[in-house]
Amino acid sequence: MCELRHTLSKKERVTGKRLVDHLFGGGVSRSMSSYPLRAVYCLVEGGEVPVRMLVSVPKRCFKRAVHRNRIKRQVREAFRLCKHLLDAPMSALPGQTLAVAFVWLDDHQRDTDEVARRVKNLLTRIAEKL
């Protein structure tokens, strides 16, 4: 029986200036939107985990850190529960890691269920593109 591990470890986070620049630098990365989120993603050589993620909520949308942090928690939780959608496409690409950045576009907070639906929609579409 296959046991799904619904965790989000430190290794599954996008860290380091080089990887962030590669992700947002253009050229090799792609993006798609499911309002109020935009996903920017690209394949990177090597890595210990198949998928790495990053969440960005602009300060111009929410001046208070409390609100930005709440949205980041919502997106991370939705990703944690839906990241299994990318397992099959990434198993077909050995030696590659998918880096995904979620950028919040709206200046209003949304309920957790809607955020989860949008993240799931984006992950499904990314899996189809891979």
C-alpha atoms as a PDB file:
ATOM      1  CA  MET A   1       0.000   0.000   0.000  1.00  0.00           C
ATOM      2  CA  CYS A   2       1.358   3.404  -0.968  1.00  0.00           C
ATOM      3  CA  GLU A   3       1.357   5.893   1.867  1.00  0.00           C
ATOM      4  CA  LEU A   4       1.046   9.551   0.945  1.00  0.00           C
ATOM      5  CA  ARG A   5       3.206  11.823   3.032  1.00  0.00           C
ATOM      6  CA  HIS A   6       1.506  15.160   3.404  1.00  0.00           C
ATOM      7  CA  THR A   7       4.512  17.132   4.580  1.00  0.00           C
ATOM      8  CA  LEU A   8       6.326  20.198   3.362  1.00  0.00           C
ATOM      9  CA  SER A   9       9.956  20.011   4.398  1.00  0.00           C
ATOM     10  CA  LYS A  10      12.688  22.609   4.125  1.00  0.00           C
ATOM     11  CA  LYS A  11      14.118  20.749   1.115  1.00  0.00           C
ATOM     12  CA  GLU A  12      10.842  21.347  -0.733  1.00  0.00           C
ATOM     13  CA  ARG A  13      11.175  25.139  -0.523  1.00  0.00           C
ATOM     14  CA  VAL A  14      12.849  27.259  -3.175  1.00  0.00           C
ATOM     15  CA  THR A  15      15.851  28.842  -1.487  1.00  0.00           C
ATOM     16  CA  GLY A  16      18.859  30.672  -2.798  1.00  0.00           C
ATOM     17  CA  LYS A  17      19.182  33.733  -4.981  1.00  0.00           C
ATOM     18  CA  ARG A  18      20.437  31.764  -7.978  1.00  0.00           C
ATOM     19  CA  LEU A  19      17.335  29.562  -8.171  1.00  0.00           C
ATOM     20  CA  VAL A  20      14.959  32.493  -7.608  1.00  0.00           C
ATOM     21  CA  ASP A  21      16.723  34.480 -10.350  1.00  0.00           C
ATOM     22  CA  HIS A  22      16.509  31.466 -12.654  1.00  0.00           C
ATOM     23  CA  LEU A  23      12.798  31.141 -11.907  1.00  0.00           C
ATOM     24  CA  PHE A  24      11.891  34.814 -12.412  1.00  0.00           C
ATOM     25  CA  GLY A  25      14.635  35.700 -14.888  1.00  0.00           C
ATOM     26  CA  GLY A  26      12.533  34.727 -17.869  1.00  0.00           C
ATOM     27  CA  GLY A  27      13.565  32.652 -20.834  1.00  0.00           C
ATOM     28  CA  VAL A  28      13.214  29.116 -19.491  1.00  0.00           C
ATOM     29  CA  SER A  29      10.368  29.664 -17.015  1.00  0.00           C
ATOM     30  CA  ARG A  30       6.677  29.576 -17.834  1.00  0.00           C
ATOM     31  CA  SER A  31       3.692  30.996 -16.029  1.00  0.00           C
ATOM     32  CA  MET A  32      -0.048  30.594 -15.819  1.00  0.00           C
ATOM     33  CA  SER A  33      -2.788  32.230 -13.783  1.00  0.00           C
ATOM     34  CA  SER A  34      -5.800  31.125 -11.859  1.00  0.00           C
ATOM     35  CA  TYR A  35      -6.933  34.353 -10.256  1.00  0.00           C
ATOM     36  CA  PRO A  36      -5.926  35.359  -7.563  1.00  0.00           C
ATOM     37  CA  LEU A  37      -2.759  33.269  -8.030  1.00  0.00           C
ATOM     38  CA  ARG A  38      -0.106  33.120 -10.699  1.00  0.00           C
ATOM     39  CA  ALA A  39       2.270  30.178 -10.903  1.00  0.00           C
ATOM     40  CA  VAL A  40       5.742  30.581 -12.384  1.00  0.00           C
ATOM     41  CA  TYR A  41       7.546  27.288 -12.934  1.00  0.00           C
ATOM     42  CA  CYS A  42      10.607  25.794 -14.575  1.00  0.00           C
ATOM     43  CA  LEU A  43      12.582  22.562 -14.603  1.00  0.00           C
ATOM     44  CA  VAL A  44      15.979  22.544 -12.919  1.00  0.00           C
ATOM     45  CA  GLU A  45      18.727  19.930 -13.134  1.00  0.00           C
ATOM     46  CA  GLY A  46      19.411  17.801 -10.075  1.00  0.00           C
ATOM     47  CA  GLY A  47      17.889  18.171  -6.660  1.00  0.00           C
ATOM     48  CA  GLU A  48      16.867  15.869  -3.847  1.00  0.00           C
ATOM     49  CA  VAL A  49      13.097  16.322  -4.173  1.00  0.00           C
ATOM     50  CA  PRO A  50      10.930  16.317  -7.307  1.00  0.00           C
ATOM     51  CA  VAL A  51       9.117  19.612  -6.576  1.00  0.00           C
ATOM     52  CA  ARG A  52      10.202  22.791  -4.802  1.00  0.00           C
ATOM     53  CA  MET A  53       7.897  25.731  -4.111  1.00  0.00           C
ATOM     54  CA  LEU A  54       7.918  29.392  -3.127  1.00  0.00           C
ATOM     55  CA  VAL A  55       5.086  31.756  -2.157  1.00  0.00           C
ATOM     56  CA  SER A  56       5.177  35.500  -2.724  1.00  0.00           C
ATOM     57  CA  VAL A  57       2.601  37.989  -1.481  1.00  0.00           C
ATOM     58  CA  PRO A  58       3.522  41.569  -2.469  1.00  0.00           C
ATOM     59  CA  LYS A  59       3.674  44.236   0.179  1.00  0.00           C
ATOM     60  CA  ARG A  60       1.805  46.626  -2.096  1.00  0.00           C
ATOM     61  CA  CYS A  61      -1.244  44.318  -1.874  1.00  0.00           C
ATOM     62  CA  PHE A  62      -1.170  43.883   1.912  1.00  0.00           C
ATOM     63  CA  LYS A  63       0.684  46.407   4.027  1.00  0.00           C
ATOM     64  CA  ARG A  64       0.385  44.360   7.217  1.00  0.00           C
ATOM     65  CA  ALA A  65       2.597  41.309   7.568  1.00  0.00           C
ATOM     66  CA  VAL A  66      -0.165  39.460   9.433  1.00  0.00           C
ATOM     67  CA  HIS A  67      -2.318  39.378   6.296  1.00  0.00           C
ATOM     68  CA  ARG A  68       0.582  38.445   4.005  1.00  0.00           C
ATOM     69  CA  ASN A  69       1.570  35.602   6.307  1.00  0.00           C
ATOM     70  CA  ARG A  70      -1.993  34.263   6.446  1.00  0.00           C
ATOM     71  CA  ILE A  71      -2.179  34.048   2.663  1.00  0.00           C
ATOM     72  CA  LYS A  72       1.232  32.376   2.499  1.00  0.00           C
ATOM     73  CA  ARG A  73       0.069  29.800   5.055  1.00  0.00           C
ATOM     74  CA  GLN A  74      -3.081  29.131   3.011  1.00  0.00           C
ATOM     75  CA  VAL A  75      -1.118  28.597  -0.212  1.00  0.00           C
ATOM     76  CA  ARG A  76       1.495  26.391   1.468  1.00  0.00           C
ATOM     77  CA  GLU A  77      -1.211  24.241   3.060  1.00  0.00           C
ATOM     78  CA  ALA A  78      -3.033  23.845  -0.254  1.00  0.00           C
ATOM     79  CA  PHE A  79       0.220  22.910  -1.987  1.00  0.00           C
ATOM     80  CA  ARG A  80       1.094  20.431   0.756  1.00  0.00           C
ATOM     81  CA  LEU A  81      -2.209  18.616   0.243  1.00  0.00           C
ATOM     82  CA  CYS A  82      -2.142  18.682  -3.578  1.00  0.00           C
ATOM     83  CA  LYS A  83       1.536  18.182  -4.438  1.00  0.00           C
ATOM     84  CA  HIS A  84       0.867  14.499  -5.176  1.00  0.00           C
ATOM     85  CA  LEU A  85      -0.654  15.660  -8.497  1.00  0.00           C
ATOM     86  CA  LEU A  86       2.889  16.295  -9.751  1.00  0.00           C
ATOM     87  CA  ASP A  87       4.339  12.911  -8.697  1.00  0.00           C
ATOM     88  CA  ALA A  88       3.504  11.021 -11.909  1.00  0.00           C
ATOM     89  CA  PRO A  89       4.768  13.676 -14.382  1.00  0.00           C
ATOM     90  CA  MET A  90       7.963  14.224 -12.375  1.00  0.00           C
ATOM     91  CA  SER A  91       8.705  10.496 -12.135  1.00  0.00           C
ATOM     92  CA  ALA A  92       8.894  10.500 -15.941  1.00  0.00           C
ATOM     93  CA  LEU A  93      11.664  13.146 -15.735  1.00  0.00           C
ATOM     94  CA  PRO A  94      14.461  11.596 -13.648  1.00  0.00           C
ATOM     95  CA  GLY A  95      17.203  13.906 -12.436  1.00  0.00           C
ATOM     96  CA  GLN A  96      14.996  17.000 -12.787  1.00  0.00           C
ATOM     97  CA  THR A  97      13.347  19.173 -10.156  1.00  0.00           C
ATOM     98  CA  LEU A  98      10.317  21.361 -10.766  1.00  0.00           C
ATOM     99  CA  ALA A  99      10.560  24.787  -9.131  1.00  0.00           C
ATOM    100  CA  VAL A 100       7.185  26.500  -8.686  1.00  0.00           C
ATOM    101  CA  ALA A 101       6.552  30.015  -7.388  1.00  0.00           C
ATOM    102  CA  PHE A 102       3.052  31.127  -6.443  1.00  0.00           C
ATOM    103  CA  VAL A 103       2.505  34.894  -6.665  1.00  0.00           C
ATOM    104  CA  TRP A 104      -0.608  36.464  -5.122  1.00  0.00           C
ATOM    105  CA  LEU A 105      -2.295  38.932  -7.513  1.00  0.00           C
ATOM    106  CA  ASP A 106      -5.337  40.229  -5.601  1.00  0.00           C
ATOM    107  CA  ASP A 107      -5.478  42.826  -2.853  1.00  0.00           C
ATOM    108  CA  HIS A 108      -8.238  40.985  -0.955  1.00  0.00           C
ATOM    109  CA  GLN A 109      -8.001  37.895   1.200  1.00  0.00           C
ATOM    110  CA  ARG A 110      -9.837  34.749   0.109  1.00  0.00           C
ATOM    111  CA  ASP A 111     -11.170  31.846   2.120  1.00  0.00           C
ATOM    112  CA  THR A 112      -9.021  28.741   2.407  1.00  0.00           C
ATOM    113  CA  ASP A 113     -11.276  26.562   0.237  1.00  0.00           C
ATOM    114  CA  GLU A 114     -11.036  28.941  -2.706  1.00  0.00           C
ATOM    115  CA  VAL A 115      -7.258  29.209  -2.377  1.00  0.00           C
ATOM    116  CA  ALA A 116      -7.044  25.396  -2.288  1.00  0.00           C
ATOM    117  CA  ARG A 117      -9.165  25.108  -5.445  1.00  0.00           C
ATOM    118  CA  ARG A 118      -6.948  27.605  -7.286  1.00  0.00           C
ATOM    119  CA  VAL A 119      -3.722  25.882  -6.223  1.00  0.00           C
ATOM    120  CA  LYS A 120      -5.126  22.493  -7.257  1.00  0.00           C
ATOM    121  CA  ASN A 121      -6.201  23.946 -10.612  1.00  0.00           C
ATOM    122  CA  LEU A 122      -2.707  25.347 -11.226  1.00  0.00           C
ATOM    123  CA  LEU A 123      -0.950  22.119 -10.216  1.00  0.00           C
ATOM    124  CA  THR A 124      -3.222  20.080 -12.490  1.00  0.00           C
ATOM    125  CA  ARG A 125      -2.487  22.379 -15.416  1.00  0.00           C
ATOM    126  CA  ILE A 126       1.260  22.262 -14.733  1.00  0.00           C
ATOM    127  CA  ALA A 127       1.112  18.442 -14.618  1.00  0.00           C
ATOM    128  CA  GLU A 128      -0.611  18.431 -18.028  1.00  0.00           C
ATOM    129  CA  LYS A 129       2.086  20.695 -19.512  1.00  0.00           C
ATOM    130  CA  LEU A 130       4.896  18.457 -18.260  1.00  0.00           C
END
